[in-house]
PDB file of N, CA and C in Angstrom:
ATOM      1  N   MET A   1       1.588  19.892  -6.403  1.00  0.00           N
ATOM      2  CA  MET A   1       0.246  19.657  -5.925  1.00  0.00           C
ATOM      3  C   MET A   1      -0.541  20.955  -6.078  1.00  0.00           C
ATOM      4  N   LYS A   2      -1.700  20.880  -6.740  1.00  0.00           N
ATOM      5  CA  LYS A   2      -2.546  22.058  -6.889  1.00  0.00           C
ATOM      6  C   LYS A   2      -3.703  21.956  -5.906  1.00  0.00           C
ATOM      7  N   ILE A   3      -3.858  23.005  -5.099  1.00  0.00           N
ATOM      8  CA  ILE A   3      -4.867  23.047  -4.054  1.00  0.00           C
ATOM      9  C   ILE A   3      -5.863  24.146  -4.376  1.00  0.00           C
ATOM     10  N   LEU A   4      -7.141  23.817  -4.290  1.00  0.00           N
ATOM     11  CA  LEU A   4      -8.208  24.795  -4.458  1.00  0.00           C
ATOM     12  C   LEU A   4      -8.742  25.139  -3.076  1.00  0.00           C
ATOM     13  N   VAL A   5      -8.675  26.416  -2.722  1.00  0.00           N
ATOM     14  CA  VAL A   5      -9.193  26.904  -1.450  1.00  0.00           C
ATOM     15  C   VAL A   5     -10.501  27.629  -1.748  1.00  0.00           C
ATOM     16  N   VAL A   6     -11.584  27.204  -1.088  1.00  0.00           N
ATOM     17  CA  VAL A   6     -12.903  27.803  -1.302  1.00  0.00           C
ATOM     18  C   VAL A   6     -13.376  28.408   0.020  1.00  0.00           C
ATOM     19  N   ASP A   7     -13.494  29.736   0.031  1.00  0.00           N
ATOM     20  CA  ASP A   7     -13.915  30.435   1.246  1.00  0.00           C
ATOM     21  C   ASP A   7     -14.454  31.798   0.851  1.00  0.00           C
ATOM     22  N   ASP A   8     -15.562  32.201   1.429  1.00  0.00           N
ATOM     23  CA  ASP A   8     -16.155  33.492   1.083  1.00  0.00           C
ATOM     24  C   ASP A   8     -15.394  34.666   1.700  1.00  0.00           C
ATOM     25  N   GLU A   9     -14.489  34.403   2.609  1.00  0.00           N
ATOM     26  CA  GLU A   9     -13.675  35.465   3.211  1.00  0.00           C
ATOM     27  C   GLU A   9     -12.435  35.668   2.333  1.00  0.00           C
ATOM     28  N   THR A  10     -12.361  36.802   1.653  1.00  0.00           N
ATOM     29  CA  THR A  10     -11.294  37.030   0.681  1.00  0.00           C
ATOM     30  C   THR A  10      -9.911  37.154   1.314  1.00  0.00           C
ATOM     31  N   ASP A  11      -9.834  37.508   2.606  1.00  0.00           N
ATOM     32  CA  ASP A  11      -8.524  37.624   3.253  1.00  0.00           C
ATOM     33  C   ASP A  11      -7.846  36.271   3.445  1.00  0.00           C
ATOM     34  N   VAL A  12      -8.576  35.192   3.222  1.00  0.00           N
ATOM     35  CA  VAL A  12      -8.003  33.847   3.316  1.00  0.00           C
ATOM     36  C   VAL A  12      -6.897  33.679   2.275  1.00  0.00           C
ATOM     37  N   GLN A  13      -7.060  34.296   1.120  1.00  0.00           N
ATOM     38  CA  GLN A  13      -6.046  34.179   0.070  1.00  0.00           C
ATOM     39  C   GLN A  13      -4.703  34.724   0.551  1.00  0.00           C
ATOM     40  N   THR A  14      -4.710  35.904   1.142  1.00  0.00           N
ATOM     41  CA  THR A  14      -3.471  36.500   1.645  1.00  0.00           C
ATOM     42  C   THR A  14      -2.855  35.614   2.720  1.00  0.00           C
ATOM     43  N   LEU A  15      -3.671  35.114   3.612  1.00  0.00           N
ATOM     44  CA  LEU A  15      -3.188  34.254   4.691  1.00  0.00           C
ATOM     45  C   LEU A  15      -2.524  32.996   4.139  1.00  0.00           C
ATOM     46  N   PHE A  16      -3.171  32.307   3.193  1.00  0.00           N
ATOM     47  CA  PHE A  16      -2.607  31.098   2.614  1.00  0.00           C
ATOM     48  C   PHE A  16      -1.334  31.403   1.832  1.00  0.00           C
ATOM     49  N   GLU A  17      -1.330  32.496   1.086  1.00  0.00           N
ATOM     50  CA  GLU A  17      -0.135  32.841   0.318  1.00  0.00           C
ATOM     51  C   GLU A  17       1.049  33.139   1.241  1.00  0.00           C
ATOM     52  N   GLN A  18       0.789  33.723   2.396  1.00  0.00           N
ATOM     53  CA  GLN A  18       1.861  33.974   3.361  1.00  0.00           C
ATOM     54  C   GLN A  18       2.346  32.675   3.989  1.00  0.00           C
ATOM     55  N   ARG A  19       1.414  31.838   4.421  1.00  0.00           N
ATOM     56  CA  ARG A  19       1.766  30.610   5.145  1.00  0.00           C
ATOM     57  C   ARG A  19       2.407  29.545   4.264  1.00  0.00           C
ATOM     58  N   PHE A  20       2.107  29.578   2.957  1.00  0.00           N
ATOM     59  CA  PHE A  20       2.656  28.582   2.037  1.00  0.00           C
ATOM     60  C   PHE A  20       3.618  29.204   1.037  1.00  0.00           C
ATOM     61  N   ARG A  21       4.184  30.341   1.390  1.00  0.00           N
ATOM     62  CA  ARG A  21       5.089  31.071   0.497  1.00  0.00           C
ATOM     63  C   ARG A  21       6.231  30.184   0.004  1.00  0.00           C
ATOM     64  N   ARG A  22       6.882  29.506   0.920  1.00  0.00           N
ATOM     65  CA  ARG A  22       8.039  28.666   0.573  1.00  0.00           C
ATOM     66  C   ARG A  22       7.637  27.537  -0.382  1.00  0.00           C
ATOM     67  N   GLU A  23       6.518  26.868  -0.094  1.00  0.00           N
ATOM     68  CA  GLU A  23       6.070  25.752  -0.915  1.00  0.00           C
ATOM     69  C   GLU A  23       5.661  26.212  -2.326  1.00  0.00           C
ATOM     70  N   VAL A  24       5.057  27.399  -2.394  1.00  0.00           N
ATOM     71  CA  VAL A  24       4.646  27.930  -3.697  1.00  0.00           C
ATOM     72  C   VAL A  24       5.872  28.341  -4.506  1.00  0.00           C
ATOM     73  N   ARG A  25       6.816  29.044  -3.859  1.00  0.00           N
ATOM     74  CA  ARG A  25       8.032  29.477  -4.566  1.00  0.00           C
ATOM     75  C   ARG A  25       8.846  28.311  -5.087  1.00  0.00           C
ATOM     76  N   SER A  26       8.893  27.218  -4.326  1.00  0.00           N
ATOM     77  CA  SER A  26       9.687  26.056  -4.737  1.00  0.00           C
ATOM     78  C   SER A  26       8.987  25.229  -5.820  1.00  0.00           C
ATOM     79  N   GLY A  27       7.725  25.533  -6.089  1.00  0.00           N
ATOM     80  CA  GLY A  27       6.975  24.772  -7.086  1.00  0.00           C
ATOM     81  C   GLY A  27       6.352  23.508  -6.528  1.00  0.00           C
ATOM     82  N   GLU A  28       6.514  23.299  -5.240  1.00  0.00           N
ATOM     83  CA  GLU A  28       5.958  22.116  -4.579  1.00  0.00           C
ATOM     84  C   GLU A  28       4.425  22.181  -4.549  1.00  0.00           C
ATOM     85  N   MET A  29       3.883  23.404  -4.577  1.00  0.00           N
ATOM     86  CA  MET A  29       2.458  23.585  -4.404  1.00  0.00           C
ATOM     87  C   MET A  29       1.983  24.776  -5.241  1.00  0.00           C
ATOM     88  N   GLN A  30       0.771  24.662  -5.765  1.00  0.00           N
ATOM     89  CA  GLN A  30       0.095  25.772  -6.427  1.00  0.00           C
ATOM     90  C   GLN A  30      -1.221  25.983  -5.709  1.00  0.00           C
ATOM     91  N   LEU A  31      -1.598  27.245  -5.523  1.00  0.00           N
ATOM     92  CA  LEU A  31      -2.850  27.559  -4.852  1.00  0.00           C
ATOM     93  C   LEU A  31      -3.790  28.257  -5.823  1.00  0.00           C
ATOM     94  N   ALA A  32      -5.052  27.866  -5.798  1.00  0.00           N
ATOM     95  CA  ALA A  32      -6.107  28.540  -6.538  1.00  0.00           C
ATOM     96  C   ALA A  32      -7.190  28.898  -5.523  1.00  0.00           C
ATOM     97  N   PHE A  33      -7.891  29.997  -5.753  1.00  0.00           N
ATOM     98  CA  PHE A  33      -8.877  30.474  -4.787  1.00  0.00           C
ATOM     99  C   PHE A  33     -10.209  30.746  -5.462  1.00  0.00           C
ATOM    100  N   CYS A  34     -11.274  30.325  -4.801  1.00  0.00           N
ATOM    101  CA  CYS A  34     -12.641  30.647  -5.200  1.00  0.00           C
ATOM    102  C   CYS A  34     -13.351  31.178  -3.958  1.00  0.00           C
ATOM    103  N   TYR A  35     -14.272  32.104  -4.165  1.00  0.00           N
ATOM    104  CA  TYR A  35     -14.908  32.789  -3.043  1.00  0.00           C
ATOM    105  C   TYR A  35     -16.374  32.421  -2.854  1.00  0.00           C
ATOM    106  N   SER A  36     -16.801  31.360  -3.536  1.00  0.00           N
ATOM    107  CA  SER A  36     -18.153  30.828  -3.347  1.00  0.00           C
ATOM    108  C   SER A  36     -18.176  29.398  -3.870  1.00  0.00           C
ATOM    109  N   GLY A  37     -19.181  28.662  -3.441  1.00  0.00           N
ATOM    110  CA  GLY A  37     -19.341  27.308  -3.953  1.00  0.00           C
ATOM    111  C   GLY A  37     -19.620  27.310  -5.444  1.00  0.00           C
ATOM    112  N   GLU A  38     -20.407  28.278  -5.889  1.00  0.00           N
ATOM    113  CA  GLU A  38     -20.743  28.370  -7.311  1.00  0.00           C
ATOM    114  C   GLU A  38     -19.497  28.648  -8.149  1.00  0.00           C
ATOM    115  N   GLN A  39     -18.647  29.541  -7.663  1.00  0.00           N
ATOM    116  CA  GLN A  39     -17.407  29.846  -8.379  1.00  0.00           C
ATOM    117  C   GLN A  39     -16.513  28.599  -8.420  1.00  0.00           C
ATOM    118  N   ALA A  40     -16.499  27.837  -7.340  1.00  0.00           N
ATOM    119  CA  ALA A  40     -15.697  26.605  -7.295  1.00  0.00           C
ATOM    120  C   ALA A  40     -16.200  25.581  -8.304  1.00  0.00           C
ATOM    121  N   VAL A  41     -17.523  25.461  -8.448  1.00  0.00           N
ATOM    122  CA  VAL A  41     -18.086  24.537  -9.437  1.00  0.00           C
ATOM    123  C   VAL A  41     -17.608  24.928 -10.831  1.00  0.00           C
ATOM    124  N   ASP A  42     -17.674  26.220 -11.155  1.00  0.00           N
ATOM    125  CA  ASP A  42     -17.214  26.696 -12.465  1.00  0.00           C
ATOM    126  C   ASP A  42     -15.726  26.419 -12.654  1.00  0.00           C
ATOM    127  N   TYR A  43     -14.928  26.684 -11.616  1.00  0.00           N
ATOM    128  CA  TYR A  43     -13.490  26.461 -11.686  1.00  0.00           C
ATOM    129  C   TYR A  43     -13.189  24.976 -11.911  1.00  0.00           C
ATOM    130  N   LEU A  44     -13.866  24.129 -11.162  1.00  0.00           N
ATOM    131  CA  LEU A  44     -13.627  22.690 -11.281  1.00  0.00           C
ATOM    132  C   LEU A  44     -14.042  22.154 -12.650  1.00  0.00           C
ATOM    133  N   THR A  45     -15.054  22.738 -13.254  1.00  0.00           N
ATOM    134  CA  THR A  45     -15.468  22.312 -14.581  1.00  0.00           C
ATOM    135  C   THR A  45     -14.304  22.429 -15.561  1.00  0.00           C
ATOM    136  N   ALA A  46     -13.536  23.492 -15.418  1.00  0.00           N
ATOM    137  CA  ALA A  46     -12.414  23.731 -16.331  1.00  0.00           C
ATOM    138  C   ALA A  46     -11.097  23.110 -15.871  1.00  0.00           C
ATOM    139  N   HIS A  47     -10.948  22.849 -14.560  1.00  0.00           N
ATOM    140  CA  HIS A  47      -9.633  22.469 -14.028  1.00  0.00           C
ATOM    141  C   HIS A  47      -9.644  21.227 -13.132  1.00  0.00           C
ATOM    142  N   HIS A  48     -10.701  20.430 -13.140  1.00  0.00           N
ATOM    143  CA  HIS A  48     -10.795  19.337 -12.166  1.00  0.00           C
ATOM    144  C   HIS A  48      -9.641  18.351 -12.242  1.00  0.00           C
ATOM    145  N   SER A  49      -9.092  18.127 -13.408  1.00  0.00           N
ATOM    146  CA  SER A  49      -8.004  17.145 -13.520  1.00  0.00           C
ATOM    147  C   SER A  49      -6.701  17.645 -12.899  1.00  0.00           C
ATOM    148  N   GLU A  50      -6.587  18.955 -12.656  1.00  0.00           N
ATOM    149  CA  GLU A  50      -5.371  19.527 -12.071  1.00  0.00           C
ATOM    150  C   GLU A  50      -5.392  19.519 -10.546  1.00  0.00           C
ATOM    151  N   ILE A  51      -6.571  19.514  -9.962  1.00  0.00           N
ATOM    152  CA  ILE A  51      -6.723  19.699  -8.518  1.00  0.00           C
ATOM    153  C   ILE A  51      -6.489  18.385  -7.778  1.00  0.00           C
ATOM    154  N   VAL A  52      -5.588  18.432  -6.824  1.00  0.00           N
ATOM    155  CA  VAL A  52      -5.299  17.265  -5.994  1.00  0.00           C
ATOM    156  C   VAL A  52      -6.086  17.329  -4.689  1.00  0.00           C
ATOM    157  N   LEU A  53      -6.266  18.546  -4.175  1.00  0.00           N
ATOM    158  CA  LEU A  53      -6.914  18.717  -2.887  1.00  0.00           C
ATOM    159  C   LEU A  53      -7.798  19.952  -2.910  1.00  0.00           C
ATOM    160  N   ILE A  54      -8.955  19.840  -2.277  1.00  0.00           N
ATOM    161  CA  ILE A  54      -9.881  20.963  -2.135  1.00  0.00           C
ATOM    162  C   ILE A  54     -10.053  21.217  -0.647  1.00  0.00           C
ATOM    163  N   LEU A  55      -9.876  22.461  -0.270  1.00  0.00           N
ATOM    164  CA  LEU A  55     -10.041  22.890   1.113  1.00  0.00           C
ATOM    165  C   LEU A  55     -11.198  23.874   1.110  1.00  0.00           C
ATOM    166  N   SER A  56     -12.351  23.479   1.655  1.00  0.00           N
ATOM    167  CA  SER A  56     -13.550  24.298   1.545  1.00  0.00           C
ATOM    168  C   SER A  56     -14.157  24.635   2.896  1.00  0.00           C
ATOM    169  N   ASP A  57     -14.527  25.912   3.025  1.00  0.00           N
ATOM    170  CA  ASP A  57     -15.303  26.364   4.170  1.00  0.00           C
ATOM    171  C   ASP A  57     -16.684  25.715   4.078  1.00  0.00           C
ATOM    172  N   ILE A  58     -17.343  25.518   5.204  1.00  0.00           N
ATOM    173  CA  ILE A  58     -18.688  24.957   5.200  1.00  0.00           C
ATOM    174  C   ILE A  58     -19.724  26.058   5.051  1.00  0.00           C
ATOM    175  N   ASN A  59     -19.620  27.094   5.877  1.00  0.00           N
ATOM    176  CA  ASN A  59     -20.630  28.145   5.901  1.00  0.00           C
ATOM    177  C   ASN A  59     -20.277  29.267   4.941  1.00  0.00           C
ATOM    178  N   MET A  60     -20.985  29.282   3.807  1.00  0.00           N
ATOM    179  CA  MET A  60     -20.804  30.325   2.805  1.00  0.00           C
ATOM    180  C   MET A  60     -22.182  30.716   2.295  1.00  0.00           C
ATOM    181  N   PRO A  61     -22.342  31.972   1.888  1.00  0.00           N
ATOM    182  CA  PRO A  61     -23.622  32.359   1.284  1.00  0.00           C
ATOM    183  C   PRO A  61     -23.827  31.616  -0.038  1.00  0.00           C
ATOM    184  N   GLY A  62     -25.068  31.413  -0.419  1.00  0.00           N
ATOM    185  CA  GLY A  62     -25.341  30.664  -1.643  1.00  0.00           C
ATOM    186  C   GLY A  62     -25.094  29.188  -1.401  1.00  0.00           C
ATOM    187  N   MET A  63     -24.300  28.580  -2.245  1.00  0.00           N
ATOM    188  CA  MET A  63     -23.989  27.159  -2.117  1.00  0.00           C
ATOM    189  C   MET A  63     -23.079  26.937  -0.913  1.00  0.00           C
ATOM    190  N   SER A  64     -23.522  26.117   0.019  1.00  0.00           N
ATOM    191  CA  SER A  64     -22.715  25.824   1.205  1.00  0.00           C
ATOM    192  C   SER A  64     -21.581  24.870   0.838  1.00  0.00           C
ATOM    193  N   GLY A  65     -20.633  24.748   1.750  1.00  0.00           N
ATOM    194  CA  GLY A  65     -19.549  23.794   1.553  1.00  0.00           C
ATOM    195  C   GLY A  65     -20.053  22.365   1.458  1.00  0.00           C
ATOM    196  N   PHE A  66     -21.098  22.039   2.217  1.00  0.00           N
ATOM    197  CA  PHE A  66     -21.670  20.693   2.136  1.00  0.00           C
ATOM    198  C   PHE A  66     -22.283  20.442   0.760  1.00  0.00           C
ATOM    199  N   GLU A  67     -22.962  21.447   0.205  1.00  0.00           N
ATOM    200  CA  GLU A  67     -23.534  21.295  -1.141  1.00  0.00           C
ATOM    201  C   GLU A  67     -22.420  21.146  -2.178  1.00  0.00           C
ATOM    202  N   LEU A  68     -21.359  21.918  -2.009  1.00  0.00           N
ATOM    203  CA  LEU A  68     -20.208  21.801  -2.905  1.00  0.00           C
ATOM    204  C   LEU A  68     -19.598  20.410  -2.793  1.00  0.00           C
ATOM    205  N   LEU A  69     -19.433  19.916  -1.591  1.00  0.00           N
ATOM    206  CA  LEU A  69     -18.879  18.571  -1.370  1.00  0.00           C
ATOM    207  C   LEU A  69     -19.741  17.518  -2.059  1.00  0.00           C
ATOM    208  N   ARG A  70     -21.040  17.623  -1.920  1.00  0.00           N
ATOM    209  CA  ARG A  70     -21.960  16.682  -2.572  1.00  0.00           C
ATOM    210  C   ARG A  70     -21.760  16.732  -4.089  1.00  0.00           C
ATOM    211  N   HIS A  71     -21.647  17.928  -4.633  1.00  0.00           N
ATOM    212  CA  HIS A  71     -21.426  18.091  -6.075  1.00  0.00           C
ATOM    213  C   HIS A  71     -20.097  17.447  -6.499  1.00  0.00           C
ATOM    214  N   ILE A  72     -19.043  17.697  -5.743  1.00  0.00           N
ATOM    215  CA  ILE A  72     -17.725  17.147  -6.071  1.00  0.00           C
ATOM    216  C   ILE A  72     -17.766  15.626  -6.082  1.00  0.00           C
ATOM    217  N   ARG A  73     -18.368  15.038  -5.069  1.00  0.00           N
ATOM    218  CA  ARG A  73     -18.379  13.575  -4.946  1.00  0.00           C
ATOM    219  C   ARG A  73     -19.233  12.909  -6.020  1.00  0.00           C
ATOM    220  N   THR A  74     -20.281  13.583  -6.508  1.00  0.00           N
ATOM    221  CA  THR A  74     -21.102  12.973  -7.552  1.00  0.00           C
ATOM    222  C   THR A  74     -20.559  13.258  -8.948  1.00  0.00           C
ATOM    223  N   THR A  75     -19.861  14.372  -9.125  1.00  0.00           N
ATOM    224  CA  THR A  75     -19.383  14.767 -10.450  1.00  0.00           C
ATOM    225  C   THR A  75     -17.989  14.239 -10.759  1.00  0.00           C
ATOM    226  N   TYR A  76     -17.134  14.112  -9.745  1.00  0.00           N
ATOM    227  CA  TYR A  76     -15.735  13.711  -9.961  1.00  0.00           C
ATOM    228  C   TYR A  76     -15.364  12.499  -9.108  1.00  0.00           C
ATOM    229  N   PRO A  77     -16.017  11.346  -9.348  1.00  0.00           N
ATOM    230  CA  PRO A  77     -15.728  10.183  -8.504  1.00  0.00           C
ATOM    231  C   PRO A  77     -14.387   9.521  -8.795  1.00  0.00           C
ATOM    232  N   ILE A  78     -13.861   9.668 -10.022  1.00  0.00           N
ATOM    233  CA  ILE A  78     -12.617   8.979 -10.370  1.00  0.00           C
ATOM    234  C   ILE A  78     -11.713   9.936 -11.131  1.00  0.00           C
ATOM    235  N   PRO A  79     -10.509  10.170 -10.694  1.00  0.00           N
ATOM    236  CA  PRO A  79     -10.038   9.895  -9.336  1.00  0.00           C
ATOM    237  C   PRO A  79     -10.624  10.920  -8.389  1.00  0.00           C
ATOM    238  N   PRO A  80     -11.012  10.502  -7.218  1.00  0.00           N
ATOM    239  CA  PRO A  80     -11.642  11.449  -6.295  1.00  0.00           C
ATOM    240  C   PRO A  80     -10.602  12.397  -5.689  1.00  0.00           C
ATOM    241  N   PRO A  81     -10.869  13.700  -5.725  1.00  0.00           N
ATOM    242  CA  PRO A  81      -9.944  14.619  -5.052  1.00  0.00           C
ATOM    243  C   PRO A  81     -10.084  14.484  -3.539  1.00  0.00           C
ATOM    244  N   THR A  82      -9.025  14.766  -2.833  1.00  0.00           N
ATOM    245  CA  THR A  82      -9.101  14.829  -1.378  1.00  0.00           C
ATOM    246  C   THR A  82      -9.821  16.123  -1.028  1.00  0.00           C
ATOM    247  N   VAL A  83     -10.810  16.043  -0.138  1.00  0.00           N
ATOM    248  CA  VAL A  83     -11.564  17.228   0.265  1.00  0.00           C
ATOM    249  C   VAL A  83     -11.503  17.363   1.776  1.00  0.00           C
ATOM    250  N   LEU A  84     -10.970  18.500   2.215  1.00  0.00           N
ATOM    251  CA  LEU A  84     -10.941  18.841   3.635  1.00  0.00           C
ATOM    252  C   LEU A  84     -11.919  19.982   3.846  1.00  0.00           C
ATOM    253  N   MET A  85     -12.834  19.814   4.765  1.00  0.00           N
ATOM    254  CA  MET A  85     -13.804  20.857   5.078  1.00  0.00           C
ATOM    255  C   MET A  85     -13.277  21.674   6.254  1.00  0.00           C
ATOM    256  N   VAL A  86     -13.601  22.962   6.255  1.00  0.00           N
ATOM    257  CA  VAL A  86     -13.135  23.869   7.294  1.00  0.00           C
ATOM    258  C   VAL A  86     -14.340  24.574   7.898  1.00  0.00           C
ATOM    259  N   THR A  87     -14.365  24.678   9.219  1.00  0.00           N
ATOM    260  CA  THR A  87     -15.470  25.357   9.877  1.00  0.00           C
ATOM    261  C   THR A  87     -15.016  26.053  11.154  1.00  0.00           C
ATOM    262  N   ALA A  88     -15.713  27.108  11.486  1.00  0.00           N
ATOM    263  CA  ALA A  88     -15.473  27.774  12.759  1.00  0.00           C
ATOM    264  C   ALA A  88     -16.215  27.047  13.875  1.00  0.00           C
ATOM    265  N   TYR A  89     -17.110  26.147  13.472  1.00  0.00           N
ATOM    266  CA  TYR A  89     -17.940  25.413  14.434  1.00  0.00           C
ATOM    267  C   TYR A  89     -17.626  23.939  14.317  1.00  0.00           C
ATOM    268  N   GLY A  90     -16.578  23.485  15.006  1.00  0.00           N
ATOM    269  CA  GLY A  90     -16.109  22.111  14.894  1.00  0.00           C
ATOM    270  C   GLY A  90     -16.872  21.139  15.758  1.00  0.00           C
ATOM    271  N   ASP A  91     -18.204  21.167  15.676  1.00  0.00           N
ATOM    272  CA  ASP A  91     -19.011  20.281  16.508  1.00  0.00           C
ATOM    273  C   ASP A  91     -19.115  18.888  15.881  1.00  0.00           C
ATOM    274  N   ASP A  92     -19.559  17.933  16.684  1.00  0.00           N
ATOM    275  CA  ASP A  92     -19.650  16.540  16.230  1.00  0.00           C
ATOM    276  C   ASP A  92     -20.636  16.373  15.080  1.00  0.00           C
ATOM    277  N   GLN A  93     -21.736  17.131  15.098  1.00  0.00           N
ATOM    278  CA  GLN A  93     -22.730  17.007  14.038  1.00  0.00           C
ATOM    279  C   GLN A  93     -22.133  17.424  12.686  1.00  0.00           C
ATOM    280  N   SER A  94     -21.379  18.528  12.670  1.00  0.00           N
ATOM    281  CA  SER A  94     -20.743  18.975  11.427  1.00  0.00           C
ATOM    282  C   SER A  94     -19.729  17.942  10.943  1.00  0.00           C
ATOM    283  N   ARG A  95     -18.952  17.402  11.883  1.00  0.00           N
ATOM    284  CA  ARG A  95     -17.958  16.383  11.519  1.00  0.00           C
ATOM    285  C   ARG A  95     -18.640  15.156  10.914  1.00  0.00           C
ATOM    286  N   GLN A  96     -19.680  14.680  11.552  1.00  0.00           N
ATOM    287  CA  GLN A  96     -20.382  13.500  11.047  1.00  0.00           C
ATOM    288  C   GLN A  96     -20.987  13.765   9.672  1.00  0.00           C
ATOM    289  N   GLN A  97     -21.575  14.946   9.483  1.00  0.00           N
ATOM    290  CA  GLN A  97     -22.172  15.271   8.196  1.00  0.00           C
ATOM    291  C   GLN A  97     -21.098  15.361   7.115  1.00  0.00           C
ATOM    292  N   ALA A  98     -19.983  16.008   7.432  1.00  0.00           N
ATOM    293  CA  ALA A  98     -18.892  16.134   6.458  1.00  0.00           C
ATOM    294  C   ALA A  98     -18.371  14.765   6.039  1.00  0.00           C
ATOM    295  N   ILE A  99     -18.129  13.907   6.986  1.00  0.00           N
ATOM    296  CA  ILE A  99     -17.601  12.570   6.683  1.00  0.00           C
ATOM    297  C   ILE A  99     -18.633  11.751   5.915  1.00  0.00           C
ATOM    298  N   SER A 100     -19.907  11.847   6.296  1.00  0.00           N
ATOM    299  CA  SER A 100     -20.941  11.070   5.594  1.00  0.00           C
ATOM    300  C   SER A 100     -21.114  11.527   4.146  1.00  0.00           C
ATOM    301  N   LEU A 101     -20.803  12.789   3.867  1.00  0.00           N
ATOM    302  CA  LEU A 101     -20.894  13.304   2.498  1.00  0.00           C
ATOM    303  C   LEU A 101     -19.626  13.039   1.689  1.00  0.00           C
ATOM    304  N   GLY A 102     -18.600  12.500   2.348  1.00  0.00           N
ATOM    305  CA  GLY A 102     -17.396  12.120   1.621  1.00  0.00           C
ATOM    306  C   GLY A 102     -16.168  12.969   1.870  1.00  0.00           C
ATOM    307  N   ALA A 103     -16.217  13.852   2.867  1.00  0.00           N
ATOM    308  CA  ALA A 103     -15.021  14.639   3.198  1.00  0.00           C
ATOM    309  C   ALA A 103     -13.961  13.715   3.786  1.00  0.00           C
ATOM    310  N   ASN A 104     -12.715  14.035   3.512  1.00  0.00           N
ATOM    311  CA  ASN A 104     -11.621  13.254   4.083  1.00  0.00           C
ATOM    312  C   ASN A 104     -11.319  13.660   5.505  1.00  0.00           C
ATOM    313  N   ASP A 105     -11.670  14.908   5.858  1.00  0.00           N
ATOM    314  CA  ASP A 105     -11.448  15.386   7.224  1.00  0.00           C
ATOM    315  C   ASP A 105     -12.172  16.707   7.406  1.00  0.00           C
ATOM    316  N   LEU A 106     -12.349  17.103   8.665  1.00  0.00           N
ATOM    317  CA  LEU A 106     -12.943  18.387   9.017  1.00  0.00           C
ATOM    318  C   LEU A 106     -11.953  19.111   9.914  1.00  0.00           C
ATOM    319  N   LEU A 107     -11.571  20.315   9.514  1.00  0.00           N
ATOM    320  CA  LEU A 107     -10.625  21.121  10.269  1.00  0.00           C
ATOM    321  C   LEU A 107     -11.352  22.310  10.890  1.00  0.00           C
ATOM    322  N   SER A 108     -10.918  22.708  12.070  1.00  0.00           N
ATOM    323  CA  SER A 108     -11.545  23.841  12.754  1.00  0.00           C
ATOM    324  C   SER A 108     -10.721  25.103  12.575  1.00  0.00           C
ATOM    325  N   LYS A 109     -11.426  26.222  12.456  1.00  0.00           N
ATOM    326  CA  LYS A 109     -10.779  27.539  12.426  1.00  0.00           C
ATOM    327  C   LYS A 109     -10.543  27.984  13.847  1.00  0.00           C
ATOM    328  N   PRO A 110      -9.522  28.716  14.121  1.00  0.00           N
ATOM    329  CA  PRO A 110      -8.467  29.101  13.193  1.00  0.00           C
ATOM    330  C   PRO A 110      -7.595  27.897  12.859  1.00  0.00           C
ATOM    331  N   LEU A 111      -7.164  27.850  11.612  1.00  0.00           N
ATOM    332  CA  LEU A 111      -6.379  26.712  11.148  1.00  0.00           C
ATOM    333  C   LEU A 111      -5.000  26.675  11.790  1.00  0.00           C
ATOM    334  N   ASP A 112      -4.576  25.486  12.137  1.00  0.00           N
ATOM    335  CA  ASP A 112      -3.209  25.245  12.581  1.00  0.00           C
ATOM    336  C   ASP A 112      -2.436  24.910  11.305  1.00  0.00           C
ATOM    337  N   PHE A 113      -1.717  25.901  10.766  1.00  0.00           N
ATOM    338  CA  PHE A 113      -1.077  25.717   9.468  1.00  0.00           C
ATOM    339  C   PHE A 113       0.035  24.683   9.490  1.00  0.00           C
ATOM    340  N   GLN A 114       0.691  24.492  10.607  1.00  0.00           N
ATOM    341  CA  GLN A 114       1.719  23.454  10.678  1.00  0.00           C
ATOM    342  C   GLN A 114       1.075  22.068  10.561  1.00  0.00           C
ATOM    343  N   ALA A 115      -0.032  21.871  11.266  1.00  0.00           N
ATOM    344  CA  ALA A 115      -0.753  20.599  11.170  1.00  0.00           C
ATOM    345  C   ALA A 115      -1.324  20.412   9.765  1.00  0.00           C
ATOM    346  N   LEU A 116      -1.801  21.491   9.148  1.00  0.00           N
ATOM    347  CA  LEU A 116      -2.327  21.413   7.792  1.00  0.00           C
ATOM    348  C   LEU A 116      -1.222  21.010   6.814  1.00  0.00           C
ATOM    349  N   LYS A 117      -0.031  21.575   6.976  1.00  0.00           N
ATOM    350  CA  LYS A 117       1.085  21.207   6.098  1.00  0.00           C
ATOM    351  C   LYS A 117       1.405  19.725   6.221  1.00  0.00           C
ATOM    352  N   GLU A 118       1.342  19.190   7.426  1.00  0.00           N
ATOM    353  CA  GLU A 118       1.597  17.752   7.633  1.00  0.00           C
ATOM    354  C   GLU A 118       0.529  16.914   6.939  1.00  0.00           C
ATOM    355  N   LYS A 119      -0.740  17.343   7.043  1.00  0.00           N
ATOM    356  CA  LYS A 119      -1.823  16.632   6.354  1.00  0.00           C
ATOM    357  C   LYS A 119      -1.608  16.637   4.857  1.00  0.00           C
ATOM    358  N   LEU A 120      -1.196  17.785   4.321  1.00  0.00           N
ATOM    359  CA  LEU A 120      -0.985  17.906   2.885  1.00  0.00           C
ATOM    360  C   LEU A 120       0.133  16.985   2.418  1.00  0.00           C
ATOM    361  N   LYS A 121       1.182  16.864   3.210  1.00  0.00           N
ATOM    362  CA  LYS A 121       2.270  15.957   2.861  1.00  0.00           C
ATOM    363  C   LYS A 121       1.804  14.518   2.800  1.00  0.00           C
ATOM    364  N   SER A 122       0.876  14.156   3.671  1.00  0.00           N
ATOM    365  CA  SER A 122       0.368  12.775   3.670  1.00  0.00           C
ATOM    366  C   SER A 122      -0.527  12.505   2.460  1.00  0.00           C
ATOM    367  N   VAL A 123      -1.131  13.560   1.879  1.00  0.00           N
ATOM    368  CA  VAL A 123      -1.951  13.395   0.689  1.00  0.00           C
ATOM    369  C   VAL A 123      -1.093  13.040  -0.510  1.00  0.00           C
ATOM    370  N   VAL A 124       0.076  13.676  -0.594  1.00  0.00           N
ATOM    371  CA  VAL A 124       0.990  13.417  -1.708  1.00  0.00           C
ATOM    372  C   VAL A 124       1.582  12.062  -1.509  1.00  0.00           C
TER     373      VAL A 124
END
């Protein structure tokens, strides 16, 4: 399973690589990282058929996670990738907006990596 993580905080890459070390080493999972919505659009243009799941922050400079989600849902409808949105502000309005734009779920920071691993298993 190839997962694209989109977050403007670059330390997220180190955190994900540590938390998913076993899954990456076993070949069960591959991680790719983009640090802006614009970079994710470029990455998806070249690699959309490889990506099974996109995990995107909502609040980023430039293109927001919601704008990225809108782009993903209009550009790649078949087969649609699973998209999980991540926010430090897990309020009902953000959840409703994420779901209405086509997100599969909204996760709150700090991430519960054990719960995230369970969600990822259900995607496969």
